[in-house]
Amino acid sequence: MSKLSNKSQINFSAAEELQKSNHYCSVVHCSYYSCLQLMKHILLYKIGKTEAEIKADLNFSRDTSHSYMITQIIIYLKSLNNGSVTLFSTNITSLKKLRTNADYADVDIDVDSGKKSILLSHEVNKILQKAL
């Protein structure tokens, strides 16, 4: 298990504990980063990209690191032909929007937002685990 994969599990567990403590903004944040860390694990250890290649790709594309990783994972999932691309794309997009609101928007993040982020993260991570 890579350190990123371990961090992913820790962040997911933290999201569940934070939900119990009513820290909903942090729930959403940890749920999202749990997925992001697992995506990077796949990029490095399953797809075989190096940190230098990822950095070069980002410089060339001028894309954000999060969007880059999501796009790369979508390409990878398509290559597996496992039928999970649409569900992955829908769920990670929803989770990313929730995380952006939780971290940056002047809006309330409530218990339902926390629950939804944990559910979305669980579904995304399940798809990613199957791709390992």
Protein backbone atom coordinates (compact mmCIF):
# COMPACT_ATOMS: atom_id res chain seq x y z
CA MET A 1 0.00 0.00 0.00
CA SER A 2 1.40 3.39 -0.96
CA LYS A 3 1.44 6.32 1.38
CA LEU A 4 -1.18 8.01 -0.83
CA SER A 5 -3.50 5.02 -0.58
CA ASN A 6 -3.08 5.06 3.19
CA LYS A 7 -3.76 8.82 3.34
CA SER A 8 -6.91 8.20 1.28
CA GLN A 9 -8.18 5.72 3.86
CA ILE A 10 -7.28 8.07 6.72
CA ASN A 11 -9.12 10.99 5.13
CA PHE A 12 -12.21 8.86 4.55
CA SER A 13 -12.18 7.75 8.19
CA ALA A 14 -11.66 11.35 9.27
CA ALA A 15 -14.69 12.40 7.22
CA GLU A 16 -16.84 9.84 9.03
CA GLU A 17 -15.59 10.99 12.44
CA LEU A 18 -16.01 14.67 11.56
CA GLN A 19 -19.61 13.96 10.50
CA LYS A 20 -20.29 12.65 14.02
CA SER A 21 -18.80 15.87 15.43
CA ASN A 22 -20.93 18.14 13.20
CA HIS A 23 -17.89 19.56 11.35
CA TYR A 24 -19.56 19.36 7.97
CA CYS A 25 -17.24 21.61 5.95
CA SER A 26 -14.31 19.44 6.98
CA VAL A 27 -16.31 16.29 6.22
CA VAL A 28 -16.70 17.40 2.62
CA HIS A 29 -13.04 18.42 2.38
CA CYS A 30 -11.76 15.08 3.70
CA SER A 31 -14.21 13.08 1.57
CA TYR A 32 -12.99 14.80 -1.58
CA TYR A 33 -9.29 14.50 -0.77
CA SER A 34 -9.73 10.82 0.00
CA CYS A 35 -10.70 10.37 -3.65
CA LEU A 36 -8.01 12.67 -4.97
CA GLN A 37 -5.27 10.80 -3.12
CA LEU A 38 -6.48 7.47 -4.46
CA MET A 39 -6.57 8.92 -7.98
CA LYS A 40 -2.96 10.04 -7.65
CA HIS A 41 -2.02 6.60 -6.34
CA ILE A 42 -3.50 5.11 -9.53
CA LEU A 43 -1.68 7.64 -11.71
CA LEU A 44 1.65 6.77 -10.13
CA TYR A 45 1.39 3.05 -9.40
CA LYS A 46 -1.14 1.64 -11.87
CA ILE A 47 -0.82 3.92 -14.90
CA GLY A 48 2.89 4.40 -14.23
CA LYS A 49 3.27 8.15 -14.56
CA THR A 50 6.10 9.80 -12.68
CA GLU A 51 5.84 12.99 -10.65
CA ALA A 52 7.95 14.69 -13.35
CA GLU A 53 5.60 13.52 -16.11
CA ILE A 54 2.57 14.75 -14.20
CA LYS A 55 4.22 18.12 -13.63
CA ALA A 56 5.17 18.39 -17.33
CA ASP A 57 1.63 17.42 -18.38
CA LEU A 58 0.22 20.09 -16.09
CA ASN A 59 2.57 22.75 -17.43
CA PHE A 60 1.67 21.83 -20.99
CA SER A 61 -2.09 21.64 -20.47
CA ARG A 62 -2.41 24.56 -18.07
CA ASP A 63 -5.10 22.51 -16.38
CA THR A 64 -5.55 22.42 -12.62
CA SER A 65 -4.03 19.40 -10.91
CA HIS A 66 -7.45 18.17 -9.78
CA SER A 67 -9.03 18.40 -13.23
CA TYR A 68 -5.95 16.77 -14.75
CA MET A 69 -6.17 13.80 -12.39
CA ILE A 70 -9.90 13.40 -12.97
CA THR A 71 -9.40 13.46 -16.74
CA GLN A 72 -6.55 10.95 -16.57
CA ILE A 73 -8.61 8.59 -14.44
CA ILE A 74 -11.54 8.87 -16.86
CA ILE A 75 -9.22 7.92 -19.73
CA TYR A 76 -7.89 5.00 -17.68
CA LEU A 77 -11.36 3.76 -16.72
CA LYS A 78 -12.44 3.91 -20.37
CA SER A 79 -9.46 1.72 -21.28
CA LEU A 80 -10.63 -0.89 -18.77
CA ASN A 81 -14.11 -1.06 -20.37
CA ASN A 82 -15.66 -1.73 -16.99
CA GLY A 83 -18.70 0.52 -17.45
CA SER A 84 -17.97 2.73 -14.47
CA VAL A 85 -16.84 5.86 -16.31
CA THR A 86 -20.17 7.68 -16.24
CA LEU A 87 -20.79 6.94 -12.58
CA PHE A 88 -17.25 7.98 -11.67
CA SER A 89 -17.50 11.21 -13.67
CA THR A 90 -20.90 12.14 -12.26
CA ASN A 91 -19.95 11.41 -8.67
CA ILE A 92 -16.52 13.05 -8.67
CA THR A 93 -17.97 16.14 -10.36
CA SER A 94 -20.68 16.40 -7.69
CA LEU A 95 -18.15 15.84 -4.91
CA LYS A 96 -15.77 18.43 -6.38
CA LYS A 97 -18.59 21.00 -6.50
CA LEU A 98 -19.52 20.24 -2.89
CA ARG A 99 -15.88 20.60 -1.84
CA THR A 100 -15.53 23.94 -3.64
CA ASN A 101 -18.63 25.22 -1.85
CA ALA A 102 -17.48 23.86 1.50
CA ASP A 103 -14.00 25.38 1.19
CA TYR A 104 -14.65 28.67 -0.60
CA ALA A 105 -18.31 29.68 -0.88
CA ASP A 106 -20.20 31.79 1.64
CA VAL A 107 -22.88 29.12 2.04
CA ASP A 108 -24.02 26.79 4.80
CA ILE A 109 -22.72 23.24 4.70
CA ASP A 110 -25.09 21.07 6.70
CA VAL A 111 -25.53 17.51 7.87
CA ASP A 112 -26.99 16.45 4.52
CA SER A 113 -23.99 17.88 2.66
CA GLY A 114 -21.71 15.88 4.92
CA LYS A 115 -23.69 12.68 4.38
CA LYS A 116 -23.79 13.23 0.64
CA SER A 117 -20.03 13.81 0.44
CA ILE A 118 -19.30 10.60 2.37
CA LEU A 119 -21.64 8.64 0.09
CA LEU A 120 -20.11 10.13 -3.06
CA SER A 121 -16.59 9.50 -1.78
CA HIS A 122 -17.45 5.91 -0.92
CA GLU A 123 -18.84 5.31 -4.42
CA VAL A 124 -15.89 6.98 -6.16
CA ASN A 125 -13.34 5.12 -4.04
CA LYS A 126 -15.14 1.82 -4.70
CA ILE A 127 -14.77 2.40 -8.45
CA LEU A 128 -11.12 3.37 -8.01
CA GLN A 129 -10.39 0.31 -5.86
CA LYS A 130 -11.84 -1.94 -8.58
CA ALA A 131 -9.52 -0.25 -11.09
CA LEU A 132 -6.48 -1.25 -9.03
